[in-house]
C-alpha atoms as a PDB file:
ATOM      1  CA  UNK A   1     -32.775  -5.128 -11.498  1.00  0.00           C
ATOM      2  CA  UNK A   2     -29.029  -5.475 -11.541  1.00  0.00           C
ATOM      3  CA  UNK A   3     -27.949  -9.016 -12.549  1.00  0.00           C
ATOM      4  CA  UNK A   4     -25.825 -10.827  -9.921  1.00  0.00           C
ATOM      5  CA  UNK A   5     -23.997 -12.866 -12.502  1.00  0.00           C
ATOM      6  CA  UNK A   6     -25.168 -16.097 -10.871  1.00  0.00           C
ATOM      7  CA  UNK A   7     -27.863 -17.539 -13.058  1.00  0.00           C
ATOM      8  CA  UNK A   8     -29.591 -19.633 -10.354  1.00  0.00           C
ATOM      9  CA  UNK A   9     -29.620 -16.719  -7.934  1.00  0.00           C
ATOM     10  CA  UNK A  10     -31.014 -14.322 -10.581  1.00  0.00           C
ATOM     11  CA  UNK A  11     -33.613 -16.950 -11.304  1.00  0.00           C
ATOM     12  CA  UNK A  12     -34.790 -16.855  -7.693  1.00  0.00           C
ATOM     13  CA  UNK A  13     -34.497 -13.112  -6.937  1.00  0.00           C
ATOM     14  CA  UNK A  14     -34.385 -11.510 -10.352  1.00  0.00           C
ATOM     15  CA  UNK A  15     -31.161  -9.685  -9.553  1.00  0.00           C
ATOM     16  CA  UNK A  16     -30.691  -6.775  -7.203  1.00  0.00           C
ATOM     17  CA  UNK A  17     -33.719  -4.413  -7.232  1.00  0.00           C
ATOM     18  CA  UNK A  18     -32.956  -0.764  -7.468  1.00  0.00           C
ATOM     19  CA  UNK A  19     -34.165   1.108  -4.405  1.00  0.00           C
ATOM     20  CA  UNK A  20     -33.317  -1.766  -2.085  1.00  0.00           C
ATOM     21  CA  UNK A  21     -30.564  -3.040   0.208  1.00  0.00           C
ATOM     22  CA  UNK A  22     -29.160  -6.540   0.492  1.00  0.00           C
ATOM     23  CA  UNK A  23     -27.246  -7.819   3.548  1.00  0.00           C
ATOM     24  CA  UNK A  24     -24.531 -10.472   2.958  1.00  0.00           C
ATOM     25  CA  UNK A  25     -23.324 -12.311   5.950  1.00  0.00           C
ATOM     26  CA  UNK A  26     -20.986 -15.233   6.738  1.00  0.00           C
ATOM     27  CA  UNK A  27     -18.044 -16.426   8.731  1.00  0.00           C
ATOM     28  CA  UNK A  28     -14.711 -14.724   8.416  1.00  0.00           C
ATOM     29  CA  UNK A  29     -12.912 -16.012   5.276  1.00  0.00           C
ATOM     30  CA  UNK A  30     -16.120 -17.528   3.792  1.00  0.00           C
ATOM     31  CA  UNK A  31     -15.969 -15.541   0.603  1.00  0.00           C
ATOM     32  CA  UNK A  32     -18.112 -12.482   1.213  1.00  0.00           C
ATOM     33  CA  UNK A  33     -15.630 -10.084  -0.465  1.00  0.00           C
ATOM     34  CA  UNK A  34     -15.200 -12.503  -3.306  1.00  0.00           C
ATOM     35  CA  UNK A  35     -18.911 -12.679  -3.991  1.00  0.00           C
ATOM     36  CA  UNK A  36     -19.194  -8.865  -3.809  1.00  0.00           C
ATOM     37  CA  UNK A  37     -16.463  -8.640  -6.424  1.00  0.00           C
ATOM     38  CA  UNK A  38     -18.486 -11.150  -8.558  1.00  0.00           C
ATOM     39  CA  UNK A  39     -21.557  -9.022  -8.197  1.00  0.00           C
ATOM     40  CA  UNK A  40     -19.598  -5.804  -9.043  1.00  0.00           C
ATOM     41  CA  UNK A  41     -18.045  -7.321 -12.150  1.00  0.00           C
ATOM     42  CA  UNK A  42     -21.386  -8.705 -13.385  1.00  0.00           C
ATOM     43  CA  UNK A  43     -23.088  -5.325 -12.830  1.00  0.00           C
ATOM     44  CA  UNK A  44     -20.354  -3.538 -14.781  1.00  0.00           C
ATOM     45  CA  UNK A  45     -20.469  -6.159 -17.621  1.00  0.00           C
ATOM     46  CA  UNK A  46     -24.278  -5.325 -17.840  1.00  0.00           C
ATOM     47  CA  UNK A  47     -23.680  -1.568 -18.104  1.00  0.00           C
ATOM     48  CA  UNK A  48     -24.128  -0.541 -14.454  1.00  0.00           C
ATOM     49  CA  UNK A  49     -21.694   1.600 -12.535  1.00  0.00           C
ATOM     50  CA  UNK A  50     -20.356   0.400  -9.171  1.00  0.00           C
ATOM     51  CA  UNK A  51     -18.680   1.975  -6.122  1.00  0.00           C
ATOM     52  CA  UNK A  52     -17.086   0.026  -3.294  1.00  0.00           C
ATOM     53  CA  UNK A  53     -15.904   0.813   0.178  1.00  0.00           C
ATOM     54  CA  UNK A  54     -13.816  -1.629   2.229  1.00  0.00           C
ATOM     55  CA  UNK A  55     -13.188  -0.983   5.863  1.00  0.00           C
ATOM     56  CA  UNK A  56     -11.220  -4.173   6.180  1.00  0.00           C
ATOM     57  CA  UNK A  57      -8.979  -4.302   3.144  1.00  0.00           C
ATOM     58  CA  UNK A  58      -6.613  -1.582   2.058  1.00  0.00           C
ATOM     59  CA  UNK A  59      -7.613  -0.158  -1.358  1.00  0.00           C
ATOM     60  CA  UNK A  60      -4.715  -1.787  -3.227  1.00  0.00           C
ATOM     61  CA  UNK A  61      -5.592  -5.223  -1.745  1.00  0.00           C
ATOM     62  CA  UNK A  62      -9.305  -4.859  -2.610  1.00  0.00           C
ATOM     63  CA  UNK A  63      -8.331  -3.757  -6.128  1.00  0.00           C
ATOM     64  CA  UNK A  64      -5.929  -6.716  -6.535  1.00  0.00           C
ATOM     65  CA  UNK A  65      -8.649  -9.174  -5.541  1.00  0.00           C
ATOM     66  CA  UNK A  66     -11.065  -7.573  -8.056  1.00  0.00           C
ATOM     67  CA  UNK A  67      -8.330  -7.642 -10.706  1.00  0.00           C
ATOM     68  CA  UNK A  68      -7.777 -11.370 -10.174  1.00  0.00           C
ATOM     69  CA  UNK A  69     -11.449 -12.134 -10.527  1.00  0.00           C
ATOM     70  CA  UNK A  70     -11.706 -10.008 -13.660  1.00  0.00           C
ATOM     71  CA  UNK A  71      -8.613 -11.640 -15.113  1.00  0.00           C
ATOM     72  CA  UNK A  72      -9.903 -15.131 -14.592  1.00  0.00           C
ATOM     73  CA  UNK A  73      -8.143 -18.309 -13.701  1.00  0.00           C
ATOM     74  CA  UNK A  74      -6.143 -18.613 -16.910  1.00  0.00           C
ATOM     75  CA  UNK A  75      -4.376 -15.214 -16.535  1.00  0.00           C
ATOM     76  CA  UNK A  76      -3.809 -15.159 -12.786  1.00  0.00           C
ATOM     77  CA  UNK A  77      -0.334 -16.101 -11.652  1.00  0.00           C
ATOM     78  CA  UNK A  78       1.004 -17.693  -8.439  1.00  0.00           C
ATOM     79  CA  UNK A  79       3.970 -16.286  -6.651  1.00  0.00           C
ATOM     80  CA  UNK A  80       5.815 -18.168  -4.056  1.00  0.00           C
ATOM     81  CA  UNK A  81       7.855 -16.145  -1.520  1.00  0.00           C
ATOM     82  CA  UNK A  82       7.973 -16.988   2.129  1.00  0.00           C
ATOM     83  CA  UNK A  83       4.294 -17.396   1.630  1.00  0.00           C
ATOM     84  CA  UNK A  84       2.203 -18.062  -1.457  1.00  0.00           C
ATOM     85  CA  UNK A  85      -0.143 -15.592  -3.090  1.00  0.00           C
ATOM     86  CA  UNK A  86      -1.905 -14.984  -6.428  1.00  0.00           C
ATOM     87  CA  UNK A  87      -1.947 -11.837  -8.635  1.00  0.00           C
ATOM     88  CA  UNK A  88      -2.884 -10.659 -12.023  1.00  0.00           C
ATOM     89  CA  UNK A  89       0.112  -9.560 -14.135  1.00  0.00           C
ATOM     90  CA  UNK A  90       0.575  -5.782 -14.684  1.00  0.00           C
ATOM     91  CA  UNK A  91      -0.283  -5.875 -18.384  1.00  0.00           C
ATOM     92  CA  UNK A  92      -3.529  -7.681 -17.577  1.00  0.00           C
ATOM     93  CA  UNK A  93      -4.371  -5.199 -14.760  1.00  0.00           C
ATOM     94  CA  UNK A  94      -3.730  -2.309 -17.117  1.00  0.00           C
ATOM     95  CA  UNK A  95      -6.370  -3.677 -19.551  1.00  0.00           C
ATOM     96  CA  UNK A  96      -8.791  -4.365 -16.619  1.00  0.00           C
ATOM     97  CA  UNK A  97      -8.365  -0.812 -15.333  1.00  0.00           C
ATOM     98  CA  UNK A  98      -9.041   0.658 -18.730  1.00  0.00           C
ATOM     99  CA  UNK A  99     -12.274  -1.451 -18.861  1.00  0.00           C
ATOM    100  CA  UNK A 100     -13.234  -0.281 -15.324  1.00  0.00           C
ATOM    101  CA  UNK A 101     -12.481   3.356 -15.924  1.00  0.00           C
ATOM    102  CA  UNK A 102     -15.679   5.374 -15.553  1.00  0.00           C
ATOM    103  CA  UNK A 103     -17.489   2.247 -14.285  1.00  0.00           C
ATOM    104  CA  UNK A 104     -15.918   1.430 -10.918  1.00  0.00           C
ATOM    105  CA  UNK A 105     -14.859   3.581  -8.016  1.00  0.00           C
ATOM    106  CA  UNK A 106     -13.060   2.407  -4.913  1.00  0.00           C
ATOM    107  CA  UNK A 107     -13.390   4.809  -2.074  1.00  0.00           C
ATOM    108  CA  UNK A 108     -11.606   3.327   0.897  1.00  0.00           C
ATOM    109  CA  UNK A 109      -9.945   4.704   3.909  1.00  0.00           C
ATOM    110  CA  UNK A 110      -9.627   8.185   2.230  1.00  0.00           C
ATOM    111  CA  UNK A 111     -13.031   8.851   3.772  1.00  0.00           C
ATOM    112  CA  UNK A 112     -12.481   7.098   6.997  1.00  0.00           C
ATOM    113  CA  UNK A 113     -15.030   4.915   8.664  1.00  0.00           C
ATOM    114  CA  UNK A 114     -17.487   7.578   9.792  1.00  0.00           C
ATOM    115  CA  UNK A 115     -20.891   6.741   8.552  1.00  0.00           C
ATOM    116  CA  UNK A 116     -21.928  10.341   8.067  1.00  0.00           C
ATOM    117  CA  UNK A 117     -18.961  11.129   5.793  1.00  0.00           C
ATOM    118  CA  UNK A 118     -19.361   7.875   3.909  1.00  0.00           C
ATOM    119  CA  UNK A 119     -23.045   8.518   3.378  1.00  0.00           C
ATOM    120  CA  UNK A 120     -22.271  11.957   1.963  1.00  0.00           C
ATOM    121  CA  UNK A 121     -19.631  10.468  -0.407  1.00  0.00           C
ATOM    122  CA  UNK A 122     -22.196   7.833  -1.562  1.00  0.00           C
ATOM    123  CA  UNK A 123     -24.670  10.617  -2.408  1.00  0.00           C
ATOM    124  CA  UNK A 124     -21.974  12.542  -4.314  1.00  0.00           C
ATOM    125  CA  UNK A 125     -20.813   9.605  -6.351  1.00  0.00           C
ATOM    126  CA  UNK A 126     -24.341   8.589  -7.271  1.00  0.00           C
ATOM    127  CA  UNK A 127     -25.164  12.048  -8.437  1.00  0.00           C
ATOM    128  CA  UNK A 128     -21.849  12.886 -10.113  1.00  0.00           C
ATOM    129  CA  UNK A 129     -21.093   9.504 -11.701  1.00  0.00           C
ATOM    130  CA  UNK A 130     -24.446   7.775 -11.975  1.00  0.00           C
ATOM    131  CA  UNK A 131     -23.420   4.835  -9.747  1.00  0.00           C
ATOM    132  CA  UNK A 132     -26.216   2.326  -9.322  1.00  0.00           C
ATOM    133  CA  UNK A 133     -24.621  -0.385  -7.115  1.00  0.00           C
ATOM    134  CA  UNK A 134     -22.839   0.417  -3.804  1.00  0.00           C
ATOM    135  CA  UNK A 135     -20.770  -2.196  -1.942  1.00  0.00           C
ATOM    136  CA  UNK A 136     -20.115  -1.651   1.770  1.00  0.00           C
ATOM    137  CA  UNK A 137     -17.668  -4.136   3.188  1.00  0.00           C
ATOM    138  CA  UNK A 138     -18.445  -4.175   6.121  1.00  0.00           C
ATOM    139  CA  UNK A 139     -20.707  -3.098   8.930  1.00  0.00           C
ATOM    140  CA  UNK A 140     -18.179  -3.979  11.644  1.00  0.00           C
ATOM    141  CA  UNK A 141     -15.612  -1.459  10.134  1.00  0.00           C
ATOM    142  CA  UNK A 142     -18.156   1.496  10.181  1.00  0.00           C
ATOM    143  CA  UNK A 143     -17.912   4.061  12.887  1.00  0.00           C
ATOM    144  CA  UNK A 144     -21.522   4.462  14.161  1.00  0.00           C
ATOM    145  CA  UNK A 145     -21.476   7.262  16.729  1.00  0.00           C
ATOM    146  CA  UNK A 146     -24.320   8.101  18.966  1.00  0.00           C
ATOM    147  CA  UNK A 147     -25.714   7.875  22.488  1.00  0.00           C
ATOM    148  CA  UNK A 148     -27.634   4.601  21.707  1.00  0.00           C
ATOM    149  CA  UNK A 149     -26.675   0.954  21.998  1.00  0.00           C
ATOM    150  CA  UNK A 150     -24.970  -0.876  19.177  1.00  0.00           C
ATOM    151  CA  UNK A 151     -28.220  -2.472  18.149  1.00  0.00           C
ATOM    152  CA  UNK A 152     -29.992   0.850  17.934  1.00  0.00           C
ATOM    153  CA  UNK A 153     -27.058   2.352  15.871  1.00  0.00           C
ATOM    154  CA  UNK A 154     -27.131  -0.603  13.459  1.00  0.00           C
ATOM    155  CA  UNK A 155     -30.908  -0.297  13.103  1.00  0.00           C
ATOM    156  CA  UNK A 156     -30.470   3.389  12.240  1.00  0.00           C
ATOM    157  CA  UNK A 157     -27.771   2.564   9.752  1.00  0.00           C
ATOM    158  CA  UNK A 158     -29.999   0.010   7.961  1.00  0.00           C
ATOM    159  CA  UNK A 159     -32.881   2.548   7.933  1.00  0.00           C
ATOM    160  CA  UNK A 160     -30.487   5.185   6.527  1.00  0.00           C
ATOM    161  CA  UNK A 161     -29.301   2.749   3.862  1.00  0.00           C
ATOM    162  CA  UNK A 162     -32.812   1.806   2.886  1.00  0.00           C
ATOM    163  CA  UNK A 163     -33.801   5.484   2.634  1.00  0.00           C
ATOM    164  CA  UNK A 164     -30.710   6.290   0.609  1.00  0.00           C
ATOM    165  CA  UNK A 165     -31.321   3.365  -1.731  1.00  0.00           C
ATOM    166  CA  UNK A 166     -34.919   4.393  -2.347  1.00  0.00           C
ATOM    167  CA  UNK A 167     -34.268   8.087  -2.727  1.00  0.00           C
ATOM    168  CA  UNK A 168     -31.384   7.586  -5.160  1.00  0.00           C
ATOM    169  CA  UNK A 169     -32.861   4.493  -6.858  1.00  0.00           C
ATOM    170  CA  UNK A 170     -29.674   2.486  -6.273  1.00  0.00           C
ATOM    171  CA  UNK A 171     -28.946  -0.929  -4.792  1.00  0.00           C
ATOM    172  CA  UNK A 172     -26.684  -1.218  -1.681  1.00  0.00           C
ATOM    173  CA  UNK A 173     -24.940  -4.379  -0.701  1.00  0.00           C
ATOM    174  CA  UNK A 174     -23.832  -4.396   2.969  1.00  0.00           C
ATOM    175  CA  UNK A 175     -21.578  -7.092   4.449  1.00  0.00           C
ATOM    176  CA  UNK A 176     -22.196  -8.055   8.048  1.00  0.00           C
ATOM    177  CA  UNK A 177     -20.145 -10.524  10.128  1.00  0.00           C
END
């Protein structure tokens, strides 16, 4: 089991079981990506390797969010321009990226949103890098082609994910809106 980093949740579910899939759902802006980042950082802290795909956020934005969480409240800065935003300073990010090197892979729009290509990349990164936790954010951004209805395609995706998780002995977290 991969620890979630949330003591009460781990007490209830024992962490994320290898060979399984977890679906995370919630309203837009409710914190799904934030909790995924928490799970990723906890897994890395406990010696697991993680790969993430975000169909919503550009890679740089996803990485910035992860950097802020890794940096923690005391090191994150606030910048006020026409709008307000937060960031982790460059020197802090450099240290975080050194720590993440060989433990975290972000494969975003480089592989597009086609499920077949993404599935192939997941298999490759699991075999080549020993990744044990896959984050897919989110179902609505995946291109599920086929002659069936959306429900049938989503059912096939979940079955594919479950088969992939079992075969590779990994855990997959899938965000659904």
